[in-house]
Each structure stands twice: as structure tokens, then as C-alpha cells.
Amino acid sequence: MTPNKPVRVFVCGNIRASVWTAPHESVHLQKRYFDDKQQQWRNSEYLFPDELPRARLVLEKAYEFLCLREEDPGSTRPNQRSS
């Protein structure tokens, strides 16, 4: 069964990276903005140059979340991810 919510969301301003683990690990990057003409919030995959640092930050955090796992200090074996 595929979850209908991401397992983690990283947000910086109007940029967000959503981490999904089912059926495969993936990250969805999107920008939220308010469309004055339509008077509603919208999503976009297009970024302005000044939004790139925020996109980089949320993508790095998503990558860290997927790659790094905590280790139990009392354990003699490293905590391995299940695939």
C-alpha cells in the first residue's frame, strides 16, 4: 500500500522538498506562490535564480534524511537501512 503522505517535508520560505519512500525513495521539489489573477495558491517546478539557494538547502536536508541514519550508541553493529 502506497502512503498518501510524504515521510518528511523540508521547507524554506516558499520552497519545499517532500521525501517519499514508497514505492521507491524519491524527492519532490516544488515552489508555492500566490496567483494574484486567480486569487489562489499554486505550485510550480520553475525557480527564479534567487530561489536556488533555498532549493539547494531543502534538497540537501532531504538527501541527509535519506542517507544518514542514527546509530544506537550501545550497539556493536552499525544501524543499516532496510531496502
Protein backbone atom coordinates (compact mmCIF):
# COMPACT_ATOMS: atom_id res chain seq x y z
CA MET A 1 0.00 0.00 0.00
CA THR A 2 1.43 3.39 -1.01
CA PRO A 3 1.19 6.08 1.66
CA ASN A 4 -0.58 9.24 0.57
CA LYS A 5 1.69 11.47 2.63
CA PRO A 6 5.42 12.08 2.39
CA VAL A 7 7.52 10.70 5.25
CA ARG A 8 9.25 14.07 5.68
CA VAL A 9 8.90 17.59 4.31
CA PHE A 10 11.64 20.23 4.40
CA VAL A 11 10.54 23.85 3.90
CA CYS A 12 12.50 27.06 3.43
CA GLY A 13 10.31 30.03 2.57
CA ASN A 14 8.12 29.06 -0.36
CA ILE A 15 10.31 26.12 -1.44
CA ARG A 16 9.64 22.59 -0.20
CA ALA A 17 11.15 19.16 -0.68
CA SER A 18 8.89 16.22 0.14
CA VAL A 19 10.52 12.85 0.80
CA TRP A 20 8.64 9.72 -0.27
CA THR A 21 9.75 6.16 0.48
CA ALA A 22 7.06 4.10 -1.22
CA PRO A 23 7.11 2.52 -3.65
CA HIS A 24 10.68 3.88 -4.09
CA GLU A 25 12.66 6.60 -2.36
CA SER A 26 12.13 9.90 -4.14
CA VAL A 27 12.07 13.63 -3.51
CA HIS A 28 9.55 16.06 -4.94
CA LEU A 29 10.67 19.70 -5.16
CA GLN A 30 8.09 22.44 -5.54
CA LYS A 31 7.58 26.14 -5.13
CA ARG A 32 4.37 27.65 -3.73
CA TYR A 33 3.21 31.05 -4.93
CA PHE A 34 0.05 33.11 -4.85
CA ASP A 35 -1.55 33.79 -8.22
CA ASP A 36 -2.99 37.29 -7.88
CA LYS A 37 -5.07 36.96 -11.04
CA GLN A 38 -6.75 33.69 -9.96
CA GLN A 39 -6.66 34.60 -6.24
CA GLN A 40 -5.37 31.17 -5.22
CA TRP A 41 -2.19 29.37 -4.17
CA ARG A 42 -0.40 27.40 -6.87
CA ASN A 43 2.60 25.09 -7.19
CA SER A 44 5.43 25.39 -9.68
CA GLU A 45 8.57 23.45 -10.56
CA TYR A 46 10.18 26.59 -12.04
CA LEU A 47 12.54 28.60 -9.85
CA PHE A 48 13.96 32.10 -10.08
CA PRO A 49 17.73 32.44 -9.59
CA ASP A 50 17.30 33.94 -6.10
CA GLU A 51 15.27 30.85 -5.05
CA LEU A 52 18.06 28.40 -5.89
CA PRO A 53 19.84 28.68 -2.51
CA ARG A 54 16.61 27.73 -0.71
CA ALA A 55 16.06 24.84 -3.12
CA ARG A 56 19.61 23.65 -2.51
CA LEU A 57 19.07 23.78 1.26
CA VAL A 58 15.86 21.74 1.30
CA LEU A 59 17.32 19.23 -1.20
CA GLU A 60 20.44 18.80 0.95
CA LYS A 61 18.26 18.18 4.02
CA ALA A 62 16.20 15.63 2.10
CA TYR A 63 19.39 13.92 0.96
CA GLU A 64 20.73 13.84 4.53
CA PHE A 65 17.44 12.37 5.74
CA LEU A 66 17.62 9.59 3.14
CA CYS A 67 21.32 8.83 3.59
CA LEU A 68 22.09 9.34 7.26
CA ARG A 69 20.67 7.10 9.97
CA GLU A 70 21.14 7.34 13.70
CA GLU A 71 23.18 4.67 15.39
CA ASP A 72 22.41 3.19 18.78
CA PRO A 73 25.47 4.08 20.93
CA GLY A 74 25.19 0.77 22.81
CA SER A 75 25.15 -1.33 19.66
CA THR A 76 28.24 -3.01 18.24
CA ARG A 77 26.71 -3.09 14.75
CA PRO A 78 26.03 -0.01 12.64
CA ASN A 79 22.38 0.76 12.02
CA GLN A 80 21.76 -0.35 8.44
CA ARG A 81 18.90 0.80 6.31
CA SER A 82 16.40 -1.75 5.19
CA SER A 83 15.76 -1.77 1.47
